Amino acid sequence: MAPTASPFNDQHKKWIIYKFVELKSEILVFIAFRKELNPNNPRKVPKRYAFHRLIQEFNHQGTIAELLI
């Protein structure tokens, strides 16, 4: 089964991971992303599960530490 395509570009991915390290909460990252990066139309923000998948992928691969270097 092929992995699902991410709705985030590379810049968004880095922002999400940095925010997660700062806030330690997927829901708070979701709210911050919605407010900061798309304040005019919050419906265009991907669903919360997309954030969860992205954060879990980075936790599983251990690449959060590599991004922070």
N, C-alpha and C. Protein backbone atom coordinates (compact mmCIF):
# COMPACT_ATOMS: atom_id res chain seq x y z
N MET A 1 0.83 -1.17 0.00
CA MET A 1 0.00 0.00 0.00
C MET A 1 0.88 1.24 0.00
N ALA A 2 0.64 2.14 -0.91
CA ALA A 2 1.45 3.35 -1.04
C ALA A 2 1.10 4.34 0.07
N PRO A 3 2.11 5.07 0.55
CA PRO A 3 1.83 6.07 1.58
C PRO A 3 0.98 7.21 1.01
N THR A 4 0.17 7.80 1.88
CA THR A 4 -0.68 8.89 1.42
C THR A 4 0.16 10.13 1.20
N ALA A 5 -0.25 10.94 0.24
CA ALA A 5 0.45 12.18 -0.06
C ALA A 5 0.21 13.18 1.07
N SER A 6 1.24 13.89 1.45
CA SER A 6 1.12 14.86 2.53
C SER A 6 0.51 16.16 2.00
N PRO A 7 -0.41 16.77 2.75
CA PRO A 7 -0.97 18.05 2.32
C PRO A 7 -0.06 19.22 2.66
N PHE A 8 1.11 18.94 3.24
CA PHE A 8 2.03 19.99 3.67
C PHE A 8 3.24 20.05 2.75
N ASN A 9 3.73 21.26 2.50
CA ASN A 9 4.99 21.38 1.78
C ASN A 9 6.13 21.29 2.80
N ASP A 10 7.37 21.33 2.34
CA ASP A 10 8.51 21.14 3.23
C ASP A 10 8.60 22.23 4.29
N GLN A 11 8.28 23.47 3.91
CA GLN A 11 8.32 24.57 4.86
C GLN A 11 7.28 24.38 5.97
N HIS A 12 6.09 23.94 5.60
CA HIS A 12 5.06 23.67 6.60
C HIS A 12 5.48 22.53 7.53
N LYS A 13 6.08 21.49 6.96
CA LYS A 13 6.51 20.36 7.78
C LYS A 13 7.51 20.80 8.85
N LYS A 14 8.50 21.60 8.46
CA LYS A 14 9.48 22.08 9.42
C LYS A 14 8.81 22.94 10.48
N TRP A 15 7.90 23.81 10.07
CA TRP A 15 7.21 24.67 11.01
C TRP A 15 6.43 23.84 12.02
N ILE A 16 5.73 22.82 11.54
CA ILE A 16 4.92 21.96 12.41
C ILE A 16 5.81 21.23 13.42
N ILE A 17 6.93 20.70 12.99
CA ILE A 17 7.82 19.97 13.89
C ILE A 17 8.42 20.90 14.92
N TYR A 18 8.88 22.08 14.50
CA TYR A 18 9.43 23.04 15.45
C TYR A 18 8.38 23.45 16.48
N LYS A 19 7.14 23.68 16.03
CA LYS A 19 6.05 24.06 16.94
C LYS A 19 5.73 22.92 17.90
N PHE A 20 5.75 21.70 17.41
CA PHE A 20 5.46 20.55 18.27
C PHE A 20 6.51 20.42 19.37
N VAL A 21 7.76 20.62 19.03
CA VAL A 21 8.82 20.56 20.03
C VAL A 21 8.61 21.66 21.07
N GLU A 22 8.15 22.82 20.61
CA GLU A 22 7.92 23.95 21.52
C GLU A 22 6.67 23.73 22.39
N LEU A 23 5.56 23.30 21.79
CA LEU A 23 4.28 23.24 22.50
C LEU A 23 3.96 21.88 23.11
N LYS A 24 4.53 20.81 22.59
CA LYS A 24 4.32 19.44 23.08
C LYS A 24 2.87 18.97 22.98
N SER A 25 2.10 19.53 22.05
CA SER A 25 0.71 19.13 21.89
C SER A 25 0.30 19.24 20.42
N GLU A 26 -0.24 18.15 19.89
CA GLU A 26 -0.68 18.16 18.49
C GLU A 26 -1.83 19.14 18.26
N ILE A 27 -2.74 19.21 19.21
CA ILE A 27 -3.89 20.10 19.06
C ILE A 27 -3.46 21.56 19.08
N LEU A 28 -2.53 21.91 19.96
CA LEU A 28 -2.05 23.29 20.00
C LEU A 28 -1.30 23.65 18.73
N VAL A 29 -0.58 22.70 18.16
CA VAL A 29 0.11 22.93 16.89
C VAL A 29 -0.91 23.17 15.79
N PHE A 30 -1.98 22.36 15.77
CA PHE A 30 -3.04 22.52 14.79
C PHE A 30 -3.67 23.91 14.89
N ILE A 31 -3.97 24.35 16.10
CA ILE A 31 -4.60 25.66 16.30
C ILE A 31 -3.64 26.77 15.88
N ALA A 32 -2.37 26.66 16.25
CA ALA A 32 -1.38 27.68 15.89
C ALA A 32 -1.20 27.74 14.37
N PHE A 33 -1.18 26.59 13.72
CA PHE A 33 -1.05 26.54 12.26
C PHE A 33 -2.23 27.24 11.61
N ARG A 34 -3.42 26.94 12.09
CA ARG A 34 -4.64 27.53 11.53
C ARG A 34 -4.64 29.05 11.70
N LYS A 35 -4.22 29.53 12.86
CA LYS A 35 -4.22 30.96 13.13
C LYS A 35 -3.11 31.70 12.41
N GLU A 36 -1.93 31.10 12.37
CA GLU A 36 -0.77 31.81 11.86
C GLU A 36 -0.60 31.72 10.34
N LEU A 37 -0.84 30.56 9.78
CA LEU A 37 -0.53 30.37 8.36
C LEU A 37 -1.74 30.48 7.44
N ASN A 38 -2.93 30.43 7.97
CA ASN A 38 -4.11 30.54 7.11
C ASN A 38 -5.26 31.20 7.87
N PRO A 39 -5.08 32.47 8.27
CA PRO A 39 -6.11 33.11 9.09
C PRO A 39 -7.38 33.48 8.34
N ASN A 40 -7.30 33.64 7.03
CA ASN A 40 -8.47 34.08 6.26
C ASN A 40 -9.47 32.97 5.99
N ASN A 41 -8.99 31.77 5.79
CA ASN A 41 -9.90 30.67 5.48
C ASN A 41 -9.46 29.41 6.23
N PRO A 42 -9.90 29.26 7.48
CA PRO A 42 -9.46 28.09 8.26
C PRO A 42 -9.95 26.76 7.71
N ARG A 43 -10.91 26.76 6.82
CA ARG A 43 -11.38 25.50 6.25
C ARG A 43 -10.37 24.86 5.29
N LYS A 44 -9.43 25.65 4.80
CA LYS A 44 -8.41 25.12 3.90
C LYS A 44 -7.28 24.42 4.64
N VAL A 45 -7.29 24.49 5.96
CA VAL A 45 -6.27 23.82 6.77
C VAL A 45 -6.56 22.32 6.76
N PRO A 46 -5.52 21.48 6.60
CA PRO A 46 -5.74 20.03 6.64
C PRO A 46 -6.34 19.59 7.98
N LYS A 47 -6.93 18.44 7.98
CA LYS A 47 -7.56 17.88 9.19
C LYS A 47 -6.50 17.58 10.26
N ARG A 48 -6.96 17.47 11.50
CA ARG A 48 -6.05 17.22 12.61
C ARG A 48 -5.28 15.91 12.45
N TYR A 49 -5.92 14.92 11.83
CA TYR A 49 -5.24 13.64 11.67
C TYR A 49 -4.01 13.75 10.77
N ALA A 50 -4.02 14.69 9.83
CA ALA A 50 -2.84 14.90 8.99
C ALA A 50 -1.67 15.40 9.84
N PHE A 51 -1.94 16.25 10.81
CA PHE A 51 -0.90 16.71 11.73
C PHE A 51 -0.40 15.54 12.57
N HIS A 52 -1.33 14.73 13.06
CA HIS A 52 -0.98 13.57 13.86
C HIS A 52 -0.07 12.62 13.08
N ARG A 53 -0.44 12.32 11.82
CA ARG A 53 0.37 11.43 10.99
C ARG A 53 1.77 11.98 10.78
N LEU A 54 1.87 13.28 10.50
CA LEU A 54 3.17 13.90 10.25
C LEU A 54 4.05 13.83 11.50
N ILE A 55 3.50 14.17 12.65
CA ILE A 55 4.26 14.16 13.89
C ILE A 55 4.67 12.73 14.26
N GLN A 56 3.77 11.78 14.09
CA GLN A 56 4.10 10.38 14.39
C GLN A 56 5.18 9.86 13.46
N GLU A 57 5.14 10.28 12.21
CA GLU A 57 6.17 9.85 11.25
C GLU A 57 7.54 10.36 11.69
N PHE A 58 7.62 11.60 12.09
CA PHE A 58 8.89 12.15 12.55
C PHE A 58 9.34 11.50 13.85
N ASN A 59 8.40 11.23 14.76
CA ASN A 59 8.76 10.55 16.01
C ASN A 59 9.27 9.14 15.73
N HIS A 60 8.63 8.45 14.82
CA HIS A 60 9.01 7.07 14.49
C HIS A 60 10.38 7.02 13.82
N GLN A 61 10.63 7.96 12.90
CA GLN A 61 11.90 7.95 12.18
C GLN A 61 13.03 8.59 12.98
N GLY A 62 12.66 9.34 14.01
CA GLY A 62 13.69 9.99 14.82
C GLY A 62 14.33 11.17 14.15
N THR A 63 13.63 11.82 13.24
CA THR A 63 14.23 12.92 12.51
C THR A 63 13.97 14.28 13.13
N ILE A 64 13.27 14.34 14.25
CA ILE A 64 13.06 15.62 14.92
C ILE A 64 14.42 16.18 15.36
N ALA A 65 15.24 15.34 15.92
CA ALA A 65 16.56 15.79 16.37
C ALA A 65 17.40 16.28 15.19
N GLU A 66 17.28 15.64 14.05
CA GLU A 66 18.04 16.05 12.88
C GLU A 66 17.59 17.42 12.37
N LEU A 67 16.30 17.72 12.48
CA LEU A 67 15.81 19.02 12.05
C LEU A 67 16.28 20.15 12.96
N LEU A 68 16.48 19.86 14.23
CA LEU A 68 16.84 20.89 15.18
C LEU A 68 18.33 21.20 15.20
N ILE A 69 19.12 20.43 14.52
CA ILE A 69 20.59 20.66 14.50
C ILE A 69 20.90 21.88 13.66
